[in-house]
Amino acid sequence: MNEVDPKQRIYAVLAAIPKGVVVSYGQVAELAGLPRAARLVGRTLSALPDDTQLPWHRVVNASGKISMPSNSPGGMQQKHRLALENVLVVDGRISLKLFRWQPQ
């Protein structure tokens, strides 16, 4: 049996995240069948091309914080994209209680 590449598993989870919610890097890893691989998720997302259609902006750290510096281009873009989806970002943090994706 041919195992699916971990990157492809991460991409599949990313593609499934609905608008208006966020997930943590660890949650992406778990959903991709890669427990305890949050750093792999982070490295995979950082290697995405600039023109990707995958919703990388919906992934935050386990505390609900945007991992990039808030004044960096990537951090500002992530905040902007989340705001367009009505995800409230306060001081670089998203309430996981309110906005965490809970797939069925």
PDB file of N, CA and C in Angstrom:
ATOM      1  N   MET A   1       0.851  -1.181   0.000  1.00  0.00           N
ATOM      2  CA  MET A   1       0.000   0.000   0.000  1.00  0.00           C
ATOM      3  C   MET A   1       0.894   1.241   0.000  1.00  0.00           C
ATOM      4  N   ASN A   2       0.598   2.185  -0.856  1.00  0.00           N
ATOM      5  CA  ASN A   2       1.392   3.395  -1.003  1.00  0.00           C
ATOM      6  C   ASN A   2       0.873   4.464  -0.041  1.00  0.00           C
ATOM      7  N   GLU A   3       1.727   4.908   0.888  1.00  0.00           N
ATOM      8  CA  GLU A   3       1.314   5.914   1.871  1.00  0.00           C
ATOM      9  C   GLU A   3       1.348   7.310   1.258  1.00  0.00           C
ATOM     10  N   VAL A   4       0.362   8.118   1.632  1.00  0.00           N
ATOM     11  CA  VAL A   4       0.267   9.478   1.115  1.00  0.00           C
ATOM     12  C   VAL A   4       1.349  10.338   1.776  1.00  0.00           C
ATOM     13  N   ASP A   5       2.005  11.159   0.971  1.00  0.00           N
ATOM     14  CA  ASP A   5       3.035  12.083   1.425  1.00  0.00           C
ATOM     15  C   ASP A   5       2.480  12.973   2.542  1.00  0.00           C
ATOM     16  N   PRO A   6       3.246  13.142   3.637  1.00  0.00           N
ATOM     17  CA  PRO A   6       2.762  14.001   4.739  1.00  0.00           C
ATOM     18  C   PRO A   6       2.358  15.407   4.290  1.00  0.00           C
ATOM     19  N   LYS A   7       3.088  15.990   3.357  1.00  0.00           N
ATOM     20  CA  LYS A   7       2.713  17.324   2.869  1.00  0.00           C
ATOM     21  C   LYS A   7       1.334  17.294   2.239  1.00  0.00           C
ATOM     22  N   GLN A   8       1.051  16.268   1.460  1.00  0.00           N
ATOM     23  CA  GLN A   8      -0.259  16.159   0.818  1.00  0.00           C
ATOM     24  C   GLN A   8      -1.364  15.996   1.855  1.00  0.00           C
ATOM     25  N   ARG A   9      -1.085  15.282   2.942  1.00  0.00           N
ATOM     26  CA  ARG A   9      -2.064  15.121   4.014  1.00  0.00           C
ATOM     27  C   ARG A   9      -2.329  16.469   4.694  1.00  0.00           C
ATOM     28  N   ILE A  10      -1.267  17.243   4.898  1.00  0.00           N
ATOM     29  CA  ILE A  10      -1.416  18.581   5.495  1.00  0.00           C
ATOM     30  C   ILE A  10      -2.212  19.481   4.556  1.00  0.00           C
ATOM     31  N   TYR A  11      -1.891  19.442   3.266  1.00  0.00           N
ATOM     32  CA  TYR A  11      -2.622  20.251   2.285  1.00  0.00           C
ATOM     33  C   TYR A  11      -4.108  19.901   2.277  1.00  0.00           C
ATOM     34  N   ALA A  12      -4.430  18.612   2.388  1.00  0.00           N
ATOM     35  CA  ALA A  12      -5.834  18.181   2.376  1.00  0.00           C
ATOM     36  C   ALA A  12      -6.586  18.744   3.580  1.00  0.00           C
ATOM     37  N   VAL A  13      -5.945  18.737   4.746  1.00  0.00           N
ATOM     38  CA  VAL A  13      -6.581  19.315   5.937  1.00  0.00           C
ATOM     39  C   VAL A  13      -6.775  20.812   5.747  1.00  0.00           C
ATOM     40  N   LEU A  14      -5.736  21.497   5.262  1.00  0.00           N
ATOM     41  CA  LEU A  14      -5.846  22.944   5.028  1.00  0.00           C
ATOM     42  C   LEU A  14      -7.017  23.261   4.113  1.00  0.00           C
ATOM     43  N   ALA A  15      -7.128  22.514   3.042  1.00  0.00           N
ATOM     44  CA  ALA A  15      -8.193  22.763   2.060  1.00  0.00           C
ATOM     45  C   ALA A  15      -9.582  22.584   2.671  1.00  0.00           C
ATOM     46  N   ALA A  16      -9.685  21.783   3.724  1.00  0.00           N
ATOM     47  CA  ALA A  16     -10.985  21.488   4.331  1.00  0.00           C
ATOM     48  C   ALA A  16     -11.403  22.500   5.394  1.00  0.00           C
ATOM     49  N   ILE A  17     -10.500  23.378   5.825  1.00  0.00           N
ATOM     50  CA  ILE A  17     -10.826  24.331   6.893  1.00  0.00           C
ATOM     51  C   ILE A  17     -11.803  25.376   6.345  1.00  0.00           C
ATOM     52  N   PRO A  18     -12.991  25.457   6.943  1.00  0.00           N
ATOM     53  CA  PRO A  18     -13.982  26.415   6.436  1.00  0.00           C
ATOM     54  C   PRO A  18     -13.625  27.864   6.767  1.00  0.00           C
ATOM     55  N   LYS A  19     -14.217  28.771   6.021  1.00  0.00           N
ATOM     56  CA  LYS A  19     -14.051  30.203   6.299  1.00  0.00           C
ATOM     57  C   LYS A  19     -14.615  30.515   7.674  1.00  0.00           C
ATOM     58  N   GLY A  20     -13.975  31.491   8.333  1.00  0.00           N
ATOM     59  CA  GLY A  20     -14.505  31.982   9.593  1.00  0.00           C
ATOM     60  C   GLY A  20     -14.066  31.217  10.829  1.00  0.00           C
ATOM     61  N   VAL A  21     -13.160  30.242  10.664  1.00  0.00           N
ATOM     62  CA  VAL A  21     -12.647  29.490  11.808  1.00  0.00           C
ATOM     63  C   VAL A  21     -11.138  29.352  11.682  1.00  0.00           C
ATOM     64  N   VAL A  22     -10.507  28.962  12.783  1.00  0.00           N
ATOM     65  CA  VAL A  22      -9.065  28.728  12.787  1.00  0.00           C
ATOM     66  C   VAL A  22      -8.775  27.369  13.402  1.00  0.00           C
ATOM     67  N   VAL A  23      -7.564  26.897  13.158  1.00  0.00           N
ATOM     68  CA  VAL A  23      -7.065  25.668  13.768  1.00  0.00           C
ATOM     69  C   VAL A  23      -5.631  25.927  14.230  1.00  0.00           C
ATOM     70  N   SER A  24      -5.160  25.110  15.132  1.00  0.00           N
ATOM     71  CA  SER A  24      -3.767  25.226  15.559  1.00  0.00           C
ATOM     72  C   SER A  24      -2.902  24.328  14.672  1.00  0.00           C
ATOM     73  N   TYR A  25      -1.605  24.593  14.704  1.00  0.00           N
ATOM     74  CA  TYR A  25      -0.669  23.755  13.956  1.00  0.00           C
ATOM     75  C   TYR A  25      -0.791  22.304  14.414  1.00  0.00           C
ATOM     76  N   GLY A  26      -0.915  22.110  15.726  1.00  0.00           N
ATOM     77  CA  GLY A  26      -1.057  20.759  16.266  1.00  0.00           C
ATOM     78  C   GLY A  26      -2.338  20.087  15.834  1.00  0.00           C
ATOM     79  N   GLN A  27      -3.405  20.851  15.740  1.00  0.00           N
ATOM     80  CA  GLN A  27      -4.680  20.293  15.294  1.00  0.00           C
ATOM     81  C   GLN A  27      -4.589  19.862  13.838  1.00  0.00           C
ATOM     82  N   VAL A  28      -3.925  20.648  13.003  1.00  0.00           N
ATOM     83  CA  VAL A  28      -3.720  20.251  11.605  1.00  0.00           C
ATOM     84  C   VAL A  28      -2.953  18.938  11.558  1.00  0.00           C
ATOM     85  N   ALA A  29      -1.896  18.848  12.364  1.00  0.00           N
ATOM     86  CA  ALA A  29      -1.094  17.625  12.397  1.00  0.00           C
ATOM     87  C   ALA A  29      -1.952  16.425  12.791  1.00  0.00           C
ATOM     88  N   GLU A  30      -2.747  16.579  13.840  1.00  0.00           N
ATOM     89  CA  GLU A  30      -3.623  15.483  14.290  1.00  0.00           C
ATOM     90  C   GLU A  30      -4.607  15.073  13.197  1.00  0.00           C
ATOM     91  N   LEU A  31      -5.253  16.064  12.589  1.00  0.00           N
ATOM     92  CA  LEU A  31      -6.240  15.773  11.543  1.00  0.00           C
ATOM     93  C   LEU A  31      -5.604  15.123  10.313  1.00  0.00           C
ATOM     94  N   ALA A  32      -4.317  15.411  10.108  1.00  0.00           N
ATOM     95  CA  ALA A  32      -3.598  14.823   8.969  1.00  0.00           C
ATOM     96  C   ALA A  32      -3.043  13.443   9.308  1.00  0.00           C
ATOM     97  N   GLY A  33      -3.301  12.975  10.530  1.00  0.00           N
ATOM     98  CA  GLY A  33      -2.774  11.679  10.938  1.00  0.00           C
ATOM     99  C   GLY A  33      -1.296  11.722  11.262  1.00  0.00           C
ATOM    100  N   LEU A  34      -0.824  12.900  11.673  1.00  0.00           N
ATOM    101  CA  LEU A  34       0.589  13.108  11.996  1.00  0.00           C
ATOM    102  C   LEU A  34       0.706  13.668  13.420  1.00  0.00           C
ATOM    103  N   PRO A  35       0.310  12.880  14.416  1.00  0.00           N
ATOM    104  CA  PRO A  35       0.311  13.408  15.781  1.00  0.00           C
ATOM    105  C   PRO A  35       1.693  13.911  16.189  1.00  0.00           C
ATOM    106  N   ARG A  36       1.687  15.003  16.936  1.00  0.00           N
ATOM    107  CA  ARG A  36       2.908  15.625  17.465  1.00  0.00           C
ATOM    108  C   ARG A  36       3.832  16.145  16.369  1.00  0.00           C
ATOM    109  N   ALA A  37       3.256  16.512  15.233  1.00  0.00           N
ATOM    110  CA  ALA A  37       4.051  17.031  14.109  1.00  0.00           C
ATOM    111  C   ALA A  37       3.701  18.489  13.802  1.00  0.00           C
ATOM    112  N   ALA A  38       3.397  19.268  14.843  1.00  0.00           N
ATOM    113  CA  ALA A  38       3.029  20.674  14.646  1.00  0.00           C
ATOM    114  C   ALA A  38       4.134  21.444  13.938  1.00  0.00           C
ATOM    115  N   ARG A  39       5.377  21.152  14.268  1.00  0.00           N
ATOM    116  CA  ARG A  39       6.486  21.875  13.617  1.00  0.00           C
ATOM    117  C   ARG A  39       6.580  21.529  12.137  1.00  0.00           C
ATOM    118  N   LEU A  40       6.280  20.288  11.791  1.00  0.00           N
ATOM    119  CA  LEU A  40       6.252  19.910  10.373  1.00  0.00           C
ATOM    120  C   LEU A  40       5.175  20.713   9.648  1.00  0.00           C
ATOM    121  N   VAL A  41       4.034  20.894  10.287  1.00  0.00           N
ATOM    122  CA  VAL A  41       2.960  21.705   9.699  1.00  0.00           C
ATOM    123  C   VAL A  41       3.465  23.128   9.484  1.00  0.00           C
ATOM    124  N   GLY A  42       4.120  23.699  10.480  1.00  0.00           N
ATOM    125  CA  GLY A  42       4.651  25.053  10.353  1.00  0.00           C
ATOM    126  C   GLY A  42       5.654  25.177   9.213  1.00  0.00           C
ATOM    127  N   ARG A  43       6.557  24.214   9.114  1.00  0.00           N
ATOM    128  CA  ARG A  43       7.549  24.246   8.026  1.00  0.00           C
ATOM    129  C   ARG A  43       6.871  24.095   6.663  1.00  0.00           C
ATOM    130  N   THR A  44       5.866  23.233   6.603  1.00  0.00           N
ATOM    131  CA  THR A  44       5.144  23.018   5.345  1.00  0.00           C
ATOM    132  C   THR A  44       4.425  24.292   4.922  1.00  0.00           C
ATOM    133  N   LEU A  45       3.788  24.972   5.875  1.00  0.00           N
ATOM    134  CA  LEU A  45       3.078  26.211   5.547  1.00  0.00           C
ATOM    135  C   LEU A  45       4.049  27.302   5.128  1.00  0.00           C
ATOM    136  N   SER A  46       5.200  27.373   5.776  1.00  0.00           N
ATOM    137  CA  SER A  46       6.161  28.425   5.430  1.00  0.00           C
ATOM    138  C   SER A  46       6.752  28.225   4.034  1.00  0.00           C
ATOM    139  N   ALA A  47       6.647  27.016   3.514  1.00  0.00           N
ATOM    140  CA  ALA A  47       7.185  26.723   2.181  1.00  0.00           C
ATOM    141  C   ALA A  47       6.138  26.863   1.076  1.00  0.00           C
ATOM    142  N   LEU A  48       4.901  27.213   1.443  1.00  0.00           N
ATOM    143  CA  LEU A  48       3.861  27.380   0.415  1.00  0.00           C
ATOM    144  C   LEU A  48       4.225  28.544  -0.501  1.00  0.00           C
ATOM    145  N   PRO A  49       3.895  28.419  -1.781  1.00  0.00           N
ATOM    146  CA  PRO A  49       4.161  29.556  -2.682  1.00  0.00           C
ATOM    147  C   PRO A  49       3.257  30.739  -2.336  1.00  0.00           C
ATOM    148  N   ASP A  50       3.705  31.934  -2.678  1.00  0.00           N
ATOM    149  CA  ASP A  50       2.948  33.151  -2.371  1.00  0.00           C
ATOM    150  C   ASP A  50       1.547  33.150  -2.969  1.00  0.00           C
ATOM    151  N   ASP A  51       1.380  32.482  -4.097  1.00  0.00           N
ATOM    152  CA  ASP A  51       0.082  32.499  -4.776  1.00  0.00           C
ATOM    153  C   ASP A  51      -0.801  31.290  -4.431  1.00  0.00           C
ATOM    154  N   THR A  52      -0.493  30.607  -3.340  1.00  0.00           N
ATOM    155  CA  THR A  52      -1.270  29.427  -2.969  1.00  0.00           C
ATOM    156  C   THR A  52      -2.735  29.782  -2.737  1.00  0.00           C
ATOM    157  N   GLN A  53      -3.594  28.855  -3.054  1.00  0.00           N
ATOM    158  CA  GLN A  53      -5.025  29.011  -2.787  1.00  0.00           C
ATOM    159  C   GLN A  53      -5.406  28.367  -1.455  1.00  0.00           C
ATOM    160  N   LEU A  54      -4.462  27.666  -0.819  1.00  0.00           N
ATOM    161  CA  LEU A  54      -4.742  27.028   0.468  1.00  0.00           C
ATOM    162  C   LEU A  54      -4.873  28.097   1.559  1.00  0.00           C
ATOM    163  N   PRO A  55      -5.817  27.936   2.466  1.00  0.00           N
ATOM    164  CA  PRO A  55      -6.070  28.953   3.497  1.00  0.00           C
ATOM    165  C   PRO A  55      -5.098  28.863   4.680  1.00  0.00           C
ATOM    166  N   TRP A  56      -3.841  29.117   4.432  1.00  0.00           N
ATOM    167  CA  TRP A  56      -2.799  29.074   5.465  1.00  0.00           C
ATOM    168  C   TRP A  56      -3.084  30.044   6.601  1.00  0.00           C
ATOM    169  N   HIS A  57      -3.807  31.114   6.287  1.00  0.00           N
ATOM    170  CA  HIS A  57      -4.078  32.156   7.280  1.00  0.00           C
ATOM    171  C   HIS A  57      -5.000  31.685   8.402  1.00  0.00           C
ATOM    172  N   ARG A  58      -5.629  30.548   8.226  1.00  0.00           N
ATOM    173  CA  ARG A  58      -6.537  30.015   9.245  1.00  0.00           C
ATOM    174  C   ARG A  58      -5.824  29.152  10.281  1.00  0.00           C
ATOM    175  N   VAL A  59      -4.496  29.110  10.215  1.00  0.00           N
ATOM    176  CA  VAL A  59      -3.716  28.304  11.159  1.00  0.00           C
ATOM    177  C   VAL A  59      -2.962  29.236  12.111  1.00  0.00           C
ATOM    178  N   VAL A  60      -3.149  28.986  13.414  1.00  0.00           N
ATOM    179  CA  VAL A  60      -2.519  29.794  14.460  1.00  0.00           C
ATOM    180  C   VAL A  60      -1.841  28.852  15.452  1.00  0.00           C
ATOM    181  N   ASN A  61      -1.108  29.426  16.405  1.00  0.00           N
ATOM    182  CA  ASN A  61      -0.454  28.550  17.375  1.00  0.00           C
ATOM    183  C   ASN A  61      -1.449  28.066  18.427  1.00  0.00           C
ATOM    184  N   ALA A  62      -0.993  27.209  19.317  1.00  0.00           N
ATOM    185  CA  ALA A  62      -1.873  26.569  20.297  1.00  0.00           C
ATOM    186  C   ALA A  62      -2.521  27.555  21.268  1.00  0.00           C
ATOM    187  N   SER A  63      -1.967  28.752  21.378  1.00  0.00           N
ATOM    188  CA  SER A  63      -2.548  29.791  22.237  1.00  0.00           C
ATOM    189  C   SER A  63      -3.511  30.688  21.481  1.00  0.00           C
ATOM    190  N   GLY A  64      -3.694  30.420  20.189  1.00  0.00           N
ATOM    191  CA  GLY A  64      -4.568  31.256  19.377  1.00  0.00           C
ATOM    192  C   GLY A  64      -3.863  32.474  18.814  1.00  0.00           C
ATOM    193  N   LYS A  65      -2.539  32.514  18.928  1.00  0.00           N
ATOM    194  CA  LYS A  65      -1.790  33.670  18.436  1.00  0.00           C
ATOM    195  C   LYS A  65      -1.307  33.457  17.007  1.00  0.00           C
ATOM    196  N   ILE A  66      -1.218  34.556  16.290  1.00  0.00           N
ATOM    197  CA  ILE A  66      -0.591  34.550  14.977  1.00  0.00           C
ATOM    198  C   ILE A  66       0.904  34.396  15.223  1.00  0.00           C
ATOM    199  N   SER A  67       1.511  33.415  14.589  1.00  0.00           N
ATOM    200  CA  SER A  67       2.915  33.098  14.877  1.00  0.00           C
ATOM    201  C   SER A  67       3.902  34.092  14.290  1.00  0.00           C
ATOM    202  N   MET A  68       3.536  34.734  13.208  1.00  0.00           N
ATOM    203  CA  MET A  68       4.435  35.710  12.593  1.00  0.00           C
ATOM    204  C   MET A  68       4.378  37.024  13.370  1.00  0.00           C
ATOM    205  N   PRO A  69       5.468  37.803  13.354  1.00  0.00           N
ATOM    206  CA  PRO A  69       5.410  39.122  13.992  1.00  0.00           C
ATOM    207  C   PRO A  69       4.251  39.939  13.418  1.00  0.00           C
ATOM    208  N   SER A  70       3.506  40.601  14.293  1.00  0.00           N
ATOM    209  CA  SER A  70       2.300  41.309  13.851  1.00  0.00           C
ATOM    210  C   SER A  70       2.574  42.427  12.858  1.00  0.00           C
ATOM    211  N   ASN A  71       3.785  42.981  12.877  1.00  0.00           N
ATOM    212  CA  ASN A  71       4.091  44.065  11.938  1.00  0.00           C
ATOM    213  C   ASN A  71       4.805  43.574  10.684  1.00  0.00           C
ATOM    214  N   SER A  72       4.973  42.253  10.551  1.00  0.00           N
ATOM    215  CA  SER A  72       5.589  41.704   9.342  1.00  0.00           C
ATOM    216  C   SER A  72       4.548  41.637   8.230  1.00  0.00           C
ATOM    217  N   PRO A  73       4.974  41.619   6.974  1.00  0.00           N
ATOM    218  CA  PRO A  73       4.004  41.511   5.875  1.00  0.00           C
ATOM    219  C   PRO A  73       3.096  40.286   6.020  1.00  0.00           C
ATOM    220  N   GLY A  74       3.670  39.152   6.381  1.00  0.00           N
ATOM    221  CA  GLY A  74       2.864  37.941   6.538  1.00  0.00           C
ATOM    222  C   GLY A  74       1.884  38.046   7.686  1.00  0.00           C
ATOM    223  N   GLY A  75       2.324  38.602   8.804  1.00  0.00           N
ATOM    224  CA  GLY A  75       1.433  38.773   9.950  1.00  0.00           C
ATOM    225  C   GLY A  75       0.290  39.719   9.655  1.00  0.00           C
ATOM    226  N   MET A  76       0.601  40.812   8.961  1.00  0.00           N
ATOM    227  CA  MET A  76      -0.454  41.772   8.590  1.00  0.00           C
ATOM    228  C   MET A  76      -1.427  41.148   7.593  1.00  0.00           C
ATOM    229  N   GLN A  77      -0.892  40.363   6.648  1.00  0.00           N
ATOM    230  CA  GLN A  77      -1.756  39.709   5.670  1.00  0.00           C
ATOM    231  C   GLN A  77      -2.669  38.693   6.352  1.00  0.00           C
ATOM    232  N   GLN A  78      -2.118  37.942   7.309  1.00  0.00           N
ATOM    233  CA  GLN A  78      -2.927  36.959   8.018  1.00  0.00           C
ATOM    234  C   GLN A  78      -4.054  37.643   8.788  1.00  0.00           C
ATOM    235  N   LYS A  79      -3.751  38.712   9.510  1.00  0.00           N
ATOM    236  CA  LYS A  79      -4.787  39.446  10.238  1.00  0.00           C
ATOM    237  C   LYS A  79      -5.858  39.979   9.288  1.00  0.00           C
ATOM    238  N   HIS A  80      -5.423  40.526   8.153  1.00  0.00           N
ATOM    239  CA  HIS A  80      -6.362  41.077   7.178  1.00  0.00           C
ATOM    240  C   HIS A  80      -7.289  39.985   6.635  1.00  0.00           C
ATOM    241  N   ARG A  81      -6.707  38.857   6.246  1.00  0.00           N
ATOM    242  CA  ARG A  81      -7.527  37.763   5.699  1.00  0.00           C
ATOM    243  C   ARG A  81      -8.514  37.228   6.728  1.00  0.00           C
ATOM    244  N   LEU A  82      -8.073  37.097   7.975  1.00  0.00           N
ATOM    245  CA  LEU A  82      -8.982  36.626   9.023  1.00  0.00           C
ATOM    246  C   LEU A  82     -10.099  37.643   9.260  1.00  0.00           C
ATOM    247  N   ALA A  83      -9.771  38.930   9.236  1.00  0.00           N
ATOM    248  CA  ALA A  83     -10.790  39.963   9.420  1.00  0.00           C
ATOM    249  C   ALA A  83     -11.841  39.897   8.314  1.00  0.00           C
ATOM    250  N   LEU A  84     -11.416  39.609   7.087  1.00  0.00           N
ATOM    251  CA  LEU A  84     -12.365  39.477   5.974  1.00  0.00           C
ATOM    252  C   LEU A  84     -13.345  38.320   6.197  1.00  0.00           C
ATOM    253  N   GLU A  85     -12.933  37.355   7.025  1.00  0.00           N
ATOM    254  CA  GLU A  85     -13.786  36.203   7.335  1.00  0.00           C
ATOM    255  C   GLU A  85     -14.490  36.366   8.683  1.00  0.00           C
ATOM    256  N   ASN A  86     -14.445  37.595   9.214  1.00  0.00           N
ATOM    257  CA  ASN A  86     -15.088  37.923  10.488  1.00  0.00           C
ATOM    258  C   ASN A  86     -14.506  37.177  11.686  1.00  0.00           C
ATOM    259  N   VAL A  87     -13.231  36.817  11.593  1.00  0.00           N
ATOM    260  CA  VAL A  87     -12.527  36.238  12.736  1.00  0.00           C
ATOM    261  C   VAL A  87     -11.885  37.399  13.479  1.00  0.00           C
ATOM    262  N   LEU A  88     -12.245  37.551  14.726  1.00  0.00           N
ATOM    263  CA  LEU A  88     -11.778  38.669  15.533  1.00  0.00           C
ATOM    264  C   LEU A  88     -10.360  38.406  16.043  1.00  0.00           C
ATOM    265  N   VAL A  89      -9.454  39.304  15.708  1.00  0.00           N
ATOM    266  CA  VAL A  89      -8.070  39.229  16.170  1.00  0.00           C
ATOM    267  C   VAL A  89      -7.833  40.408  17.111  1.00  0.00           C
ATOM    268  N   VAL A  90      -7.542  40.110  18.376  1.00  0.00           N
ATOM    269  CA  VAL A  90      -7.301  41.146  19.378  1.00  0.00           C
ATOM    270  C   VAL A  90      -5.882  40.968  19.905  1.00  0.00           C
ATOM    271  N   ASP A  91      -5.048  41.980  19.706  1.00  0.00           N
ATOM    272  CA  ASP A  91      -3.643  41.924  20.126  1.00  0.00           C
ATOM    273  C   ASP A  91      -2.942  40.686  19.575  1.00  0.00           C
ATOM    274  N   GLY A  92      -3.227  40.361  18.316  1.00  0.00           N
ATOM    275  CA  GLY A  92      -2.567  39.236  17.664  1.00  0.00           C
ATOM    276  C   GLY A  92      -3.075  37.873  18.087  1.00  0.00           C
ATOM    277  N   ARG A  93      -4.186  37.836  18.814  1.00  0.00           N
ATOM    278  CA  ARG A  93      -4.719  36.566  19.323  1.00  0.00           C
ATOM    279  C   ARG A  93      -6.177  36.389  18.916  1.00  0.00           C
ATOM    280  N   ILE A  94      -6.516  35.138  18.647  1.00  0.00           N
ATOM    281  CA  ILE A  94      -7.883  34.755  18.296  1.00  0.00           C
ATOM    282  C   ILE A  94      -8.415  33.887  19.426  1.00  0.00           C
ATOM    283  N   SER A  95      -9.637  34.104  19.827  1.00  0.00           N
ATOM    284  CA  SER A  95     -10.255  33.262  20.856  1.00  0.00           C
ATOM    285  C   SER A  95     -10.542  31.886  20.264  1.00  0.00           C
ATOM    286  N   LEU A  96      -9.801  30.881  20.735  1.00  0.00           N
ATOM    287  CA  LEU A  96     -10.053  29.530  20.237  1.00  0.00           C
ATOM    288  C   LEU A  96     -11.400  29.012  20.727  1.00  0.00           C
ATOM    289  N   LYS A  97     -11.852  29.514  21.844  1.00  0.00           N
ATOM    290  CA  LYS A  97     -13.170  29.122  22.353  1.00  0.00           C
ATOM    291  C   LYS A  97     -14.264  29.510  21.359  1.00  0.00           C
ATOM    292  N   LEU A  98     -14.098  30.679  20.741  1.00  0.00           N
ATOM    293  CA  LEU A  98     -15.103  31.171  19.793  1.00  0.00           C
ATOM    294  C   LEU A  98     -14.867  30.724  18.356  1.00  0.00           C
ATOM    295  N   PHE A  99     -13.605  30.615  17.940  1.00  0.00           N
ATOM    296  CA  PHE A  99     -13.310  30.455  16.515  1.00  0.00           C
ATOM    297  C   PHE A  99     -12.615  29.150  16.123  1.00  0.00           C
ATOM    298  N   ARG A 100     -12.352  28.244  17.078  1.00  0.00           N
ATOM    299  CA  ARG A 100     -11.677  26.992  16.708  1.00  0.00           C
ATOM    300  C   ARG A 100     -12.619  26.095  15.903  1.00  0.00           C
ATOM    301  N   TRP A 101     -12.091  25.552  14.822  1.00  0.00           N
ATOM    302  CA  TRP A 101     -12.843  24.614  13.983  1.00  0.00           C
ATOM    303  C   TRP A 101     -12.980  23.297  14.726  1.00  0.00           C
ATOM    304  N   GLN A 102     -14.181  22.806  14.782  1.00  0.00           N
ATOM    305  CA  GLN A 102     -14.468  21.502  15.398  1.00  0.00           C
ATOM    306  C   GLN A 102     -15.067  20.587  14.332  1.00  0.00           C
ATOM    307  N   PRO A 103     -14.211  19.933  13.518  1.00  0.00           N
ATOM    308  CA  PRO A 103     -14.769  19.070  12.472  1.00  0.00           C
ATOM    309  C   PRO A 103     -15.536  17.905  13.070  1.00  0.00           C
ATOM    310  N   GLN A 104     -16.552  17.496  12.381  1.00  0.00           N
ATOM    311  CA  GLN A 104     -17.391  16.389  12.845  1.00  0.00           C
ATOM    312  C   GLN A 104     -16.753  15.053  12.609  1.00  0.00           C
TER     313      GLN A 104
END
